[in-house]
Structure formats: C-alpha cells, structure tokens
Amino acid sequence: MCIAVFIWQAHPLYPFLLLLNRDEYHDRPTKPLAWWEGGEILGGKDGIAGGTWLACTRDGRVAFLTNVRELNSQPQAKSRGDLPVRFLESKKNPMEFAEELVEEADQYNGFNLIIADISSKTMVYITNRPKEDNISITEVSAGIHVLSNARLDSPWPKAQRLRHNFEDLFDTYGGNEVPLKEMADKLMRDTVKDDESVLPHIYPPKREYHLSSIFVEEETPLGRYGTRSTSALFVKASGEVSFYERYLEKEVWKEQTKLEEIHEVLSRINNFRAESSNGYAVKANCRSVNEVMENFMDGSCKLYRRMEALAKNKRRFQPYTVEAGMSSQKEQSSDLKASSSKHAAEISSVDCFGGKVRKGMVLNAGEVERLNQRLKALEEEAEVMKEDFIENMEERKKLMNEIYQQFQVVRHHLQSRKQAAAEKHRDGVMMIDFHKNERTGTGLSQVLYQDSNPSIVNRRATMVPLEEPTEVMYEFSNRQLVPF
C-alpha cells in the first residue's frame, strides 16, 4: 500500500514534482535508491520480485505504482512491480505502452500505474480495477493529483488531507523554489488517523484504521508493516533533477539524494546571446563591450579545458561491471577491486538527465558511448560559440570604424574652422586657440569618455559647444583683451 501526491505541468519552476510513501512489511528485502545494472534506471528495487514502485531513466521517463486495496487477490499473478520497469526499458511512448497492456491486464492483481515522458510532456494513468472495466487508460491533466490505493484522485480521507496540505505548503512558497527534504518531512510523515465512519470499509475496521494515516505504522500477525521509504522526485524547468529517498534499513532510518544538473555550457551560450542581443549602446545599467567580450573569452577557455578533460578521461575508459548501491567509498573501492582490478575507472561526472552524478560512481562501456556523444555535443557547442565570437568581433570592428569616421568628421570640421579664422586675421587682432590648453583636448579618448555632450571651455569658463567655433578673436584695447 502506497500513497503519492504530485503536481504536473502546473508550476512555473517544476513541470513535475512527486512525493511518494512506500508501505511494505519491514522484513521484505529491498534495495534503496541506486542506479541499476546497465546504468539506465534510477530507483529502489524489490529484493524478491526485482521490480520497483518508483524509478526514472536518463532520458526523462518516469514510472510509479500503487496497489489497489482489495480482499481477493490472485496468488499466481504477475508481479506488479515489473510494470514500471517494462515501461522504462521500452521505447514506446506512454499511450502506446498503455494500449499494449490491455491484453494482459487480467494477469495482474489490482494496480494503479502512472507513466510519464517529461520531455514530451505526456503522462498517462493506467488501472485494471474495477475488473469489469478490464483496463482504464487516462491521460493525466495538468494540476495537483493524489494517488492512493483506489483510482486516481479518489476522495479517501487521507488522500484529501495530503492534497490540502500539499496545496497549502505550495501556497506559502508561491512560485519560488521549494525545499525538497523539508517538504517531504512535513507532508509524508503525517501519522494522523481518520475516524472509522469515513474509512472505505474494504478491510476490517482495525486494519483500515491503521492504514488511514499517510505515514503507516502497524503490527500484524505476519510482522511489522508500514512506511518503508519516502521518496521525492523534483524536476525543474531548467532540466535539474533531484531524487531524494529516506528509507528504513535494519530498523534504522537513512537518507540520500541524487542530484542531476544540466551542464553549464548551454546556459553560458544563452547568457552570451542575450548579452549580445542588447547591442553596444551605452547605458548606465549595461556592461561595457569589453566586459562582455572578456566574460565570453573566459567562458570559451573554460569550455576548451573541459573538453580536453573529457577527451583525456575518454582515453582512460575500459569496459567493466557497474557496482550499484550507496555504500561508502571504501566499500565501493573494495567491491570494485574484487570485480575488476584492472578495468575500473573513476570519473567525476557522467550524463544523467543531461547532467551529473557525483564522484565515486563507476562506468561501463555504455557510459563511454554516452560520453562520446556528450563530447560530440560539446564540440558542436564550441563551434557555435566560435561562430558567435567571430560574428560579434565583426560587429565590434564595424562599431569602432564608425566611431573613427565620426572622429575624422569632427577633426576635419575643426581644421576647417581654424583655416577660415586664419584667413580673417588682421593687424591688431590676436588669435587665441584654446585647443592648445592643457586642460582640454579633442583626442579620441576625450570625445568618447569625457562627457556625453563634449564641449570646450575657455579661460573665462564660458562653454563653447562642439558645433560652435572653437577659436575666439580678441583685440587689444587699453592693454586688455576685449572680445568683439
């Protein structure tokens, strides 16, 4: 018995966000959140049947499952935990996979299965209960949904309580980022139980009472039963994925988080293009052309160094067996030596939802192929950055040429005025050229940077605009300079 609440395509930051509690007998063998053999599926694993209740893939496919509460079950039925795995391993889209299940739905005990492809924004809900309907397939609408042990969004008391708490917590954060662990703790550890009168009355009253809380704890004749793990899967619009799990192992609660981040090169390219689109107009709140170009060159150098590092790591890779699990680095090291002492290699980051897995993971030949593809993508991105760089250098060159031409026009204008003034020279008149004043100047740096409307100031602090004559004629009168 499990319960899940999720939001789908209805939040500005999170196209998909899921919280799920898995309820099971405490003595049932279970493997915690980890990459499965082959490195394509990330999730927990049932230690007996080999299936899962929640998992995802590197290319953004997600599947999760709950059982339907019913009295009579088939002892020889197929394992429902295989259904999420089958979808994640298939190449079919969610609707195609759902339609494929129609013919075999009666071979399973009651299940609720939700499968999604994040990249195509497609999510489908599948259930084989009630039996007379054989199988029901519904495309999940955008919004908040709760899946318990009845049909999707059935108004069971604990499902409604979880939904309301989820909505209230989201309202407190608005459109901002929400803390993953805090949200899981507040919502999924709720032990409040419902009154018997509002329970669905499928199991005996005492049993249903213990199952009426979101976080389940119960002692049964078959052993201790209850919530074995709490999972949170957050997918951001930026492509960043966080997969958190708090799980029970030998009656001790442990937790771990897998963080996947989209690599930074695309972000750097987009930022540079945004800066370039602003042009080179002089604004108080805009960075200078030189700053933009320096940042771009710095980013290019970092990209080049990263490509070199990837190429170097690529040459070191050899095929070997993946050792899954979340043991310590010492335990991983000893396990790897036992499985392959010659062919093991370590890398600080590998592709996962277009992102990274932290240092300590081990890669096989399949990982090498993905890194080859990643390297090829980086080379293509570098080529795009190179073209953008050349294009913007040409624009910068064109701008500087225009500035130089304007300066030449100003210089020619000044020379013409000086020549005209010289032709008007006569006896008793003294020509004073304030261009030679050390405190003023008409060089390129002065024209560009001294003032937004350059002007030349004479010794009497009288402003003479650039378009006005820059030389003033005076005559001697009683040994004083008098303008005329």
Protein backbone atom coordinates (compact mmCIF):
# COMPACT_ATOMS: atom_id res chain seq x y z
CA MET A 1 0.00 0.00 0.00
CA CYS A 2 1.44 3.35 -1.04
CA ILE A 3 0.33 6.94 -1.44
CA ALA A 4 1.65 9.68 -3.73
CA VAL A 5 0.93 13.34 -4.38
CA PHE A 6 2.30 15.18 -7.40
CA ILE A 7 1.97 18.32 -9.47
CA TRP A 8 2.12 18.03 -13.24
CA GLN A 9 2.71 20.91 -15.69
CA ALA A 10 1.14 23.47 -13.34
CA HIS A 11 4.07 25.27 -11.68
CA PRO A 12 6.47 27.86 -13.17
CA LEU A 13 9.58 26.14 -11.74
CA TYR A 14 8.56 22.48 -11.55
CA PRO A 15 6.94 20.78 -14.55
CA PHE A 16 6.86 17.65 -12.38
CA LEU A 17 7.19 17.22 -8.62
CA LEU A 18 6.34 13.97 -6.79
CA LEU A 19 6.22 12.80 -3.17
CA LEU A 20 5.60 9.10 -2.50
CA ASN A 21 5.42 6.81 0.54
CA ARG A 22 6.00 3.10 0.01
CA ASP A 23 4.31 0.80 2.55
CA GLU A 24 5.57 -2.76 2.93
CA TYR A 25 6.45 -5.41 5.50
CA HIS A 26 9.67 -4.46 7.25
CA ASP A 27 11.29 -7.84 6.68
CA ARG A 28 10.80 -7.82 2.88
CA PRO A 29 14.22 -7.49 1.16
CA THR A 30 14.57 -4.12 -0.53
CA LYS A 31 17.38 -2.26 -2.25
CA PRO A 32 17.45 1.53 -1.75
CA LEU A 33 17.68 4.21 -4.42
CA ALA A 34 20.53 3.45 -6.81
CA TRP A 35 21.43 3.09 -10.48
CA TRP A 36 20.52 -0.36 -11.70
CA GLU A 37 22.85 -2.62 -13.64
CA GLY A 38 23.32 -1.09 -17.06
CA GLY A 39 23.15 2.43 -15.69
CA GLU A 40 19.84 3.40 -17.33
CA ILE A 41 17.32 3.13 -14.49
CA LEU A 42 17.47 5.01 -11.19
CA GLY A 43 15.23 3.85 -8.35
CA GLY A 44 14.67 1.44 -5.50
CA LYS A 45 14.26 -2.27 -6.15
CA ASP A 46 12.21 -5.03 -4.58
CA GLY A 47 14.65 -7.71 -3.39
CA ILE A 48 12.27 -10.61 -4.11
CA ALA A 49 10.43 -9.91 -7.38
CA GLY A 50 13.01 -7.45 -8.78
CA GLY A 51 10.50 -4.75 -9.65
CA THR A 52 10.10 -1.18 -8.40
CA TRP A 53 7.50 1.24 -7.09
CA LEU A 54 9.19 4.39 -8.43
CA ALA A 55 12.01 4.86 -10.91
CA CYS A 56 13.20 7.08 -13.73
CA THR A 57 15.62 6.95 -16.65
CA ARG A 58 18.36 9.14 -18.00
CA ASP A 59 16.19 10.38 -20.86
CA GLY A 60 13.41 11.69 -18.60
CA ARG A 61 10.96 8.79 -18.39
CA VAL A 62 9.25 8.25 -15.02
CA ALA A 63 7.00 5.48 -13.67
CA PHE A 64 5.42 4.87 -10.27
CA LEU A 65 2.91 2.39 -8.92
CA THR A 66 0.44 1.73 -6.09
CA ASN A 67 -1.58 -1.38 -5.33
CA VAL A 68 -5.38 -1.34 -5.33
CA ARG A 69 -6.92 -2.22 -1.97
CA GLU A 70 -9.00 -5.39 -2.43
CA LEU A 71 -9.83 -8.51 -0.43
CA ASN A 72 -9.30 -11.20 -3.04
CA SER A 73 -6.03 -11.47 -4.93
CA GLN A 74 -4.50 -13.98 -7.32
CA PRO A 75 -1.62 -15.92 -5.71
CA GLN A 76 -0.10 -16.72 -9.12
CA ALA A 77 -0.48 -13.24 -10.61
CA LYS A 78 2.43 -11.49 -12.28
CA SER A 79 4.44 -9.04 -10.20
CA ARG A 80 3.02 -5.55 -10.50
CA GLY A 81 6.47 -4.10 -9.81
CA ASP A 82 7.54 -5.26 -13.27
CA LEU A 83 5.19 -2.78 -14.97
CA PRO A 84 7.24 0.38 -14.25
CA VAL A 85 10.41 -1.44 -15.29
CA ARG A 86 8.86 -2.60 -18.57
CA PHE A 87 7.86 0.96 -19.46
CA LEU A 88 11.25 2.42 -18.56
CA GLU A 89 13.03 -0.19 -20.67
CA SER A 90 10.68 0.18 -23.65
CA LYS A 91 10.92 2.67 -26.49
CA LYS A 92 7.16 3.23 -26.66
CA ASN A 93 5.54 6.49 -25.63
CA PRO A 94 3.22 6.37 -22.59
CA MET A 95 -0.01 5.94 -24.56
CA GLU A 96 1.42 3.21 -26.78
CA PHE A 97 2.68 1.32 -23.75
CA ALA A 98 -0.70 1.65 -22.01
CA GLU A 99 -2.53 0.25 -25.01
CA GLU A 100 -0.11 -2.68 -25.06
CA LEU A 101 -1.19 -3.62 -21.50
CA VAL A 102 -4.85 -4.07 -22.45
CA GLU A 103 -4.43 -7.70 -23.47
CA GLU A 104 -2.71 -8.77 -20.23
CA ALA A 105 -4.35 -6.58 -17.60
CA ASP A 106 -6.17 -9.54 -16.03
CA GLN A 107 -2.88 -11.29 -15.31
CA TYR A 108 -2.09 -8.81 -12.51
CA ASN A 109 -3.67 -8.06 -9.18
CA GLY A 110 -5.17 -4.59 -8.85
CA PHE A 111 -2.73 -1.80 -9.72
CA ASN A 112 -2.55 1.94 -10.38
CA LEU A 113 0.29 2.80 -12.74
CA ILE A 114 1.37 6.26 -13.83
CA ILE A 115 3.92 6.60 -16.60
CA ALA A 116 5.33 9.84 -18.00
CA ASP A 117 7.74 11.22 -20.54
CA ILE A 118 8.96 14.56 -19.19
CA SER A 119 10.45 15.72 -22.49
CA SER A 120 7.20 15.27 -24.44
CA LYS A 121 5.03 16.47 -21.52
CA THR A 122 2.96 13.28 -21.66
CA MET A 123 1.58 11.45 -18.63
CA VAL A 124 -0.84 8.50 -18.63
CA TYR A 125 -2.73 6.81 -15.78
CA ILE A 126 -3.49 3.07 -16.11
CA THR A 127 -5.55 0.85 -13.80
CA ASN A 128 -7.07 -2.61 -14.12
CA ARG A 129 -9.75 -2.01 -11.49
CA PRO A 130 -12.66 -2.39 -11.26
CA LYS A 131 -12.37 -5.73 -13.00
CA GLU A 132 -15.45 -5.27 -15.18
CA ASP A 133 -13.72 -2.35 -16.92
CA ASN A 134 -10.75 -4.61 -17.79
CA ILE A 135 -8.33 -1.69 -18.02
CA SER A 136 -8.74 2.07 -17.87
CA ILE A 137 -6.36 4.44 -19.66
CA THR A 138 -6.50 8.18 -18.98
CA GLU A 139 -4.16 11.00 -19.95
CA VAL A 140 -3.34 12.93 -16.77
CA SER A 141 -4.35 16.58 -16.86
CA ALA A 142 -2.21 19.45 -15.60
CA GLY A 143 -2.61 20.16 -11.91
CA ILE A 144 -2.26 18.53 -8.48
CA HIS A 145 -3.21 14.86 -8.11
CA VAL A 146 -3.19 12.24 -5.36
CA LEU A 147 -2.83 8.50 -5.96
CA SER A 148 -3.62 6.16 -3.07
CA ASN A 149 -4.98 2.60 -3.19
CA ALA A 150 -8.08 3.48 -5.17
CA ARG A 151 -8.45 5.24 -8.51
CA LEU A 152 -6.54 8.44 -9.18
CA ASP A 153 -7.92 11.37 -7.15
CA SER A 154 -10.41 9.20 -5.24
CA PRO A 155 -11.67 11.22 -2.21
CA TRP A 156 -10.33 8.97 0.51
CA PRO A 157 -9.82 10.97 3.73
CA LYS A 158 -6.04 10.65 3.87
CA ALA A 159 -5.78 11.44 0.15
CA GLN A 160 -7.79 14.63 0.61
CA ARG A 161 -5.74 15.56 3.67
CA LEU A 162 -2.49 15.09 1.77
CA ARG A 163 -3.77 17.13 -1.15
CA HIS A 164 -4.85 20.03 1.06
CA ASN A 165 -1.55 20.04 2.95
CA PHE A 166 0.33 19.94 -0.35
CA GLU A 167 -1.62 22.90 -1.70
CA ASP A 168 -1.18 24.90 1.50
CA LEU A 169 2.58 24.34 1.55
CA PHE A 170 2.90 25.33 -2.10
CA ASP A 171 0.92 28.50 -1.43
CA THR A 172 3.45 29.54 1.22
CA TYR A 173 6.27 29.39 -1.35
CA GLY A 174 4.29 30.85 -4.24
CA GLY A 175 6.22 30.49 -7.46
CA ASN A 176 9.55 30.18 -5.66
CA GLU A 177 11.77 27.15 -5.17
CA VAL A 178 10.63 24.71 -2.50
CA PRO A 179 12.99 22.78 -0.17
CA LEU A 180 12.89 19.12 -1.12
CA LYS A 181 13.69 17.46 2.20
CA GLU A 182 11.60 19.85 4.29
CA MET A 183 8.59 19.29 2.06
CA ALA A 184 8.92 15.51 2.26
CA ASP A 185 9.22 15.60 6.06
CA LYS A 186 6.24 17.90 6.61
CA LEU A 187 3.84 16.14 4.26
CA MET A 188 4.78 12.47 4.21
CA ARG A 189 5.40 11.78 7.92
CA ASP A 190 1.84 12.60 8.93
CA THR A 191 0.58 9.92 11.36
CA VAL A 192 -2.92 11.37 11.85
CA LYS A 193 -5.57 8.62 11.54
CA ASP A 194 -9.17 9.02 10.40
CA ASP A 195 -12.39 8.17 12.13
CA GLU A 196 -13.79 4.75 11.32
CA SER A 197 -17.00 6.24 9.92
CA VAL A 198 -15.20 7.84 6.95
CA LEU A 199 -13.00 4.87 6.01
CA PRO A 200 -13.62 2.92 2.76
CA HIS A 201 -14.65 -0.30 4.66
CA ILE A 202 -12.78 -2.76 2.45
CA TYR A 203 -10.58 -4.30 5.14
CA PRO A 204 -11.62 -5.00 8.74
CA PRO A 205 -12.08 -1.74 10.72
CA LYS A 206 -8.96 -2.15 12.87
CA ARG A 207 -6.77 -2.79 9.83
CA GLU A 208 -8.21 0.16 7.92
CA TYR A 209 -7.76 2.42 10.91
CA HIS A 210 -4.01 1.75 10.99
CA LEU A 211 -3.81 2.28 7.22
CA SER A 212 -5.71 5.58 7.34
CA SER A 213 -2.62 7.68 8.08
CA ILE A 214 -0.23 8.98 5.41
CA PHE A 215 2.74 7.53 7.30
CA VAL A 216 1.77 3.97 8.30
CA GLU A 217 2.95 2.00 11.33
CA GLU A 218 1.29 -1.30 12.24
CA GLU A 219 1.99 -4.59 13.99
CA THR A 220 0.37 -7.56 12.18
CA PRO A 221 0.38 -11.35 12.65
CA LEU A 222 2.79 -11.52 9.70
CA GLY A 223 5.18 -9.00 11.20
CA ARG A 224 5.69 -5.28 11.34
CA TYR A 225 4.13 -3.39 8.45
CA GLY A 226 4.27 0.26 7.45
CA THR A 227 6.03 3.00 5.54
CA ARG A 228 9.43 1.71 4.45
CA SER A 229 10.56 4.73 2.43
CA THR A 230 9.66 8.28 1.47
CA SER A 231 10.73 9.46 -1.98
CA ALA A 232 10.74 12.93 -3.54
CA LEU A 233 11.39 13.49 -7.23
CA PHE A 234 11.71 17.13 -8.30
CA VAL A 235 12.17 18.08 -11.97
CA LYS A 236 12.87 21.75 -12.66
CA ALA A 237 12.08 23.58 -15.88
CA SER A 238 15.83 24.18 -16.25
CA GLY A 239 16.40 20.42 -16.51
CA GLU A 240 17.80 19.96 -13.00
CA VAL A 241 16.54 16.82 -11.29
CA SER A 242 16.64 15.93 -7.58
CA PHE A 243 15.78 12.42 -6.35
CA TYR A 244 15.62 12.14 -2.57
CA GLU A 245 14.94 9.00 -0.54
CA ARG A 246 14.54 8.44 3.19
CA TYR A 247 14.45 4.70 3.78
CA LEU A 248 14.41 2.14 6.55
CA GLU A 249 17.30 -0.33 6.67
CA LYS A 250 17.54 -2.81 9.55
CA GLU A 251 15.17 -0.62 11.56
CA VAL A 252 17.44 2.41 11.08
CA TRP A 253 16.31 5.40 9.01
CA LYS A 254 18.80 6.58 6.40
CA GLU A 255 18.59 9.10 3.61
CA GLN A 256 20.29 10.00 0.36
CA THR A 257 19.84 12.41 -2.51
CA LYS A 258 20.74 12.09 -6.16
CA LEU A 259 21.27 15.49 -7.74
CA GLU A 260 21.37 15.77 -11.50
CA GLU A 261 22.24 19.11 -13.12
CA ILE A 262 22.10 20.14 -16.73
CA HIS A 263 25.64 21.07 -17.84
CA GLU A 264 26.61 24.71 -17.85
CA VAL A 265 27.67 25.18 -21.47
CA LEU A 266 24.17 25.74 -22.88
CA SER A 267 23.43 28.20 -20.09
CA ARG A 268 26.63 30.10 -20.86
CA ILE A 269 25.78 30.26 -24.57
CA ASN A 270 22.24 31.50 -23.87
CA ASN A 271 23.54 34.18 -21.48
CA PHE A 272 26.08 35.38 -24.02
CA ARG A 273 23.48 35.55 -26.79
CA ALA A 274 21.19 37.54 -24.51
CA GLU A 275 24.01 40.00 -23.80
CA SER A 276 24.87 40.24 -27.49
CA SER A 277 21.25 40.99 -28.44
CA ASN A 278 21.38 44.14 -26.30
CA GLY A 279 23.91 45.68 -28.72
CA TYR A 280 26.63 48.06 -27.68
CA ALA A 281 24.54 51.09 -26.75
CA VAL A 282 25.90 52.99 -23.78
CA LYS A 283 23.52 52.55 -20.83
CA ALA A 284 24.04 53.15 -17.13
CA ASN A 285 22.95 49.62 -16.20
CA CYS A 286 24.69 47.75 -19.04
CA ARG A 287 28.11 46.23 -19.00
CA SER A 288 30.70 47.51 -21.46
CA VAL A 289 31.63 45.74 -24.65
CA ASN A 290 34.99 44.83 -23.18
CA GLU A 291 33.38 43.18 -20.14
CA VAL A 292 31.08 41.11 -22.34
CA MET A 293 33.96 40.03 -24.54
CA GLU A 294 36.18 39.23 -21.56
CA ASN A 295 33.46 37.09 -19.99
CA PHE A 296 32.87 35.34 -23.27
CA MET A 297 36.56 34.59 -23.72
CA ASP A 298 36.75 33.33 -20.15
CA GLY A 299 33.80 31.01 -20.79
CA SER A 300 35.39 29.79 -24.02
CA CYS A 301 38.62 28.94 -22.24
CA LYS A 302 36.75 27.03 -19.54
CA LEU A 303 34.82 25.13 -22.21
CA TYR A 304 38.05 24.26 -24.02
CA ARG A 305 39.65 22.99 -20.80
CA ARG A 306 36.55 20.95 -20.02
CA MET A 307 36.61 19.36 -23.48
CA GLU A 308 40.27 18.49 -23.02
CA ALA A 309 39.48 16.85 -19.66
CA LEU A 310 36.65 14.84 -21.18
CA ALA A 311 38.88 13.71 -24.03
CA LYS A 312 41.57 12.67 -21.54
CA ASN A 313 39.07 10.69 -19.45
CA LYS A 314 37.68 9.11 -22.60
CA ARG A 315 41.07 7.61 -23.41
CA ARG A 316 41.22 6.04 -19.93
CA PHE A 317 37.90 4.22 -20.07
CA GLN A 318 37.71 0.44 -20.30
CA PRO A 319 34.58 -1.77 -20.08
CA TYR A 320 33.81 -3.23 -16.68
CA THR A 321 30.90 -4.15 -14.43
CA VAL A 322 28.89 -1.45 -12.66
CA GLU A 323 28.76 -1.80 -8.90
CA ALA A 324 25.42 -0.29 -7.81
CA GLY A 325 24.46 0.73 -4.32
CA MET A 326 25.01 3.57 -1.94
CA SER A 327 27.83 2.17 0.22
CA SER A 328 30.75 4.28 1.38
CA GLN A 329 33.71 5.00 -0.88
CA LYS A 330 35.81 2.44 0.99
CA GLU A 331 33.18 -0.26 0.49
CA GLN A 332 32.84 0.67 -3.18
CA SER A 333 36.60 0.55 -3.62
CA SER A 334 36.91 -2.94 -2.16
CA ASP A 335 33.93 -4.22 -4.17
CA LEU A 336 35.36 -2.80 -7.38
CA LYS A 337 38.74 -4.37 -6.75
CA ALA A 338 37.05 -7.72 -6.30
CA SER A 339 35.02 -7.37 -9.52
CA SER A 340 37.65 -5.80 -11.74
CA SER A 341 41.02 -4.60 -10.53
CA LYS A 342 42.37 -3.72 -13.97
CA HIS A 343 39.44 -2.26 -15.83
CA ALA A 344 37.86 0.02 -13.20
CA ALA A 345 37.97 3.75 -13.82
CA GLU A 346 36.57 6.70 -11.97
CA ILE A 347 35.10 9.92 -13.36
CA SER A 348 33.75 12.99 -11.62
CA SER A 349 30.66 13.43 -13.77
CA VAL A 350 28.51 11.42 -16.17
CA ASP A 351 25.40 12.18 -18.12
CA CYS A 352 22.11 11.88 -16.24
CA PHE A 353 19.02 13.76 -17.45
CA GLY A 354 21.67 15.73 -19.35
CA GLY A 355 23.58 16.24 -16.10
CA LYS A 356 25.95 14.77 -13.49
CA VAL A 357 26.40 12.01 -10.99
CA ARG A 358 28.84 12.71 -8.19
CA LYS A 359 32.33 11.31 -8.00
CA GLY A 360 32.52 7.72 -6.87
CA MET A 361 30.25 6.17 -9.49
CA VAL A 362 31.78 3.63 -11.87
CA LEU A 363 31.12 3.46 -15.61
CA ASN A 364 30.86 0.65 -18.12
CA ALA A 365 31.21 0.58 -21.89
CA GLY A 366 27.72 2.03 -22.26
CA GLU A 367 28.77 5.05 -20.21
CA VAL A 368 31.76 5.52 -22.51
CA GLU A 369 29.47 5.67 -25.51
CA ARG A 370 27.33 8.29 -23.80
CA LEU A 371 30.43 10.31 -23.02
CA ASN A 372 31.42 10.08 -26.68
CA GLN A 373 28.06 11.56 -27.56
CA ARG A 374 28.50 14.19 -24.86
CA LEU A 375 31.92 15.12 -26.20
CA LYS A 376 30.49 15.42 -29.69
CA ALA A 377 27.77 17.72 -28.38
CA LEU A 378 30.38 19.86 -26.59
CA GLU A 379 32.37 20.16 -29.80
CA GLU A 380 29.26 21.30 -31.65
CA GLU A 381 28.53 23.84 -28.92
CA ALA A 382 32.11 25.09 -29.08
CA GLU A 383 31.72 25.59 -32.82
CA VAL A 384 28.55 27.60 -32.25
CA MET A 385 30.37 29.73 -29.66
CA LYS A 386 33.22 30.26 -32.09
CA GLU A 387 30.84 31.46 -34.80
CA ASP A 388 29.13 33.80 -32.33
CA PHE A 389 32.51 35.13 -31.24
CA ILE A 390 33.61 35.86 -34.81
CA GLU A 391 30.29 37.48 -35.62
CA ASN A 392 30.45 39.76 -32.59
CA MET A 393 34.07 40.66 -33.26
CA GLU A 394 32.98 41.79 -36.73
CA GLU A 395 30.24 43.89 -35.16
CA ARG A 396 32.73 45.40 -32.73
CA LYS A 397 35.13 46.18 -35.57
CA LYS A 398 32.32 47.83 -37.52
CA LEU A 399 31.38 49.92 -34.49
CA MET A 400 34.96 51.11 -33.96
CA ASN A 401 35.20 52.05 -37.64
CA GLU A 402 32.04 54.13 -37.32
CA ILE A 403 33.45 55.89 -34.26
CA TYR A 404 36.71 56.59 -36.09
CA GLN A 405 34.85 58.04 -39.08
CA GLN A 406 32.84 60.32 -36.81
CA PHE A 407 36.03 61.47 -35.16
CA GLN A 408 37.54 62.27 -38.55
CA VAL A 409 34.47 64.35 -39.39
CA VAL A 410 34.88 66.31 -36.16
CA ARG A 411 38.61 66.75 -36.78
CA HIS A 412 38.01 67.95 -40.34
CA HIS A 413 35.38 70.39 -39.10
CA LEU A 414 37.80 71.86 -36.54
CA GLN A 415 40.55 72.20 -39.12
CA SER A 416 38.18 73.99 -41.50
CA ARG A 417 37.12 76.47 -38.84
CA LYS A 418 40.73 77.14 -37.93
CA GLN A 419 41.62 77.77 -41.54
CA ALA A 420 38.67 80.13 -42.00
CA ALA A 421 39.64 82.06 -38.89
CA ALA A 422 43.21 82.40 -40.10
CA GLU A 423 42.03 83.99 -43.35
CA LYS A 424 40.25 86.69 -41.29
CA HIS A 425 43.43 87.59 -39.38
CA ARG A 426 44.24 91.27 -39.40
CA ASP A 427 46.62 93.66 -37.65
CA GLY A 428 45.83 94.45 -34.01
CA VAL A 429 43.91 91.25 -33.55
CA MET A 430 45.31 88.35 -31.61
CA MET A 431 44.13 84.78 -32.28
CA ILE A 432 43.85 82.61 -29.21
CA ASP A 433 43.44 78.86 -29.88
CA PHE A 434 42.16 77.18 -26.76
CA HIS A 435 42.66 73.75 -28.29
CA LYS A 436 46.21 74.02 -27.05
CA ASN A 437 45.04 74.41 -23.47
CA GLU A 438 46.43 71.54 -21.44
CA ARG A 439 43.20 71.13 -19.50
CA THR A 440 41.13 70.34 -22.58
CA GLY A 441 41.55 68.06 -25.53
CA THR A 442 39.81 66.57 -28.53
CA GLY A 443 41.53 63.21 -28.72
CA LEU A 444 39.52 60.05 -29.24
CA SER A 445 39.51 59.25 -25.53
CA GLN A 446 38.17 62.73 -24.68
CA VAL A 447 35.45 62.59 -27.32
CA LEU A 448 34.31 59.15 -26.17
CA TYR A 449 34.65 59.32 -22.39
CA GLN A 450 34.85 62.90 -21.05
CA ASP A 451 31.21 63.81 -21.48
CA SER A 452 28.12 62.60 -23.22
CA ASN A 453 27.94 66.05 -24.95
CA PRO A 454 31.60 67.15 -25.30
CA SER A 455 32.33 70.84 -25.16
CA ILE A 456 35.41 73.03 -24.99
CA VAL A 457 35.79 75.50 -22.10
CA ASN A 458 37.70 78.76 -22.49
CA ARG A 459 39.66 80.51 -19.77
CA ARG A 460 36.63 82.52 -18.65
CA ALA A 461 34.77 79.20 -18.09
CA THR A 462 32.39 80.04 -20.93
CA MET A 463 31.00 76.83 -22.51
CA VAL A 464 31.52 76.66 -26.23
CA PRO A 465 29.57 73.69 -27.74
CA LEU A 466 31.37 71.47 -30.18
CA GLU A 467 29.38 72.76 -33.14
CA GLU A 468 30.29 76.40 -32.31
CA PRO A 469 33.65 77.98 -33.32
CA THR A 470 36.35 76.80 -31.00
CA GLU A 471 38.54 79.85 -31.50
CA VAL A 472 37.71 83.36 -30.27
CA MET A 473 39.11 86.59 -31.69
CA TYR A 474 40.13 89.38 -29.31
CA GLU A 475 41.55 92.87 -29.93
CA PHE A 476 43.85 94.96 -27.80
CA SER A 477 42.12 97.84 -26.04
CA ASN A 478 43.97 99.63 -23.29
CA ARG A 479 46.14 96.53 -22.82
CA GLN A 480 43.08 94.39 -22.07
CA LEU A 481 41.60 91.60 -24.09
CA VAL A 482 38.12 92.59 -25.17
CA PRO A 483 36.02 90.20 -27.21
CA PHE A 484 34.25 91.69 -30.24
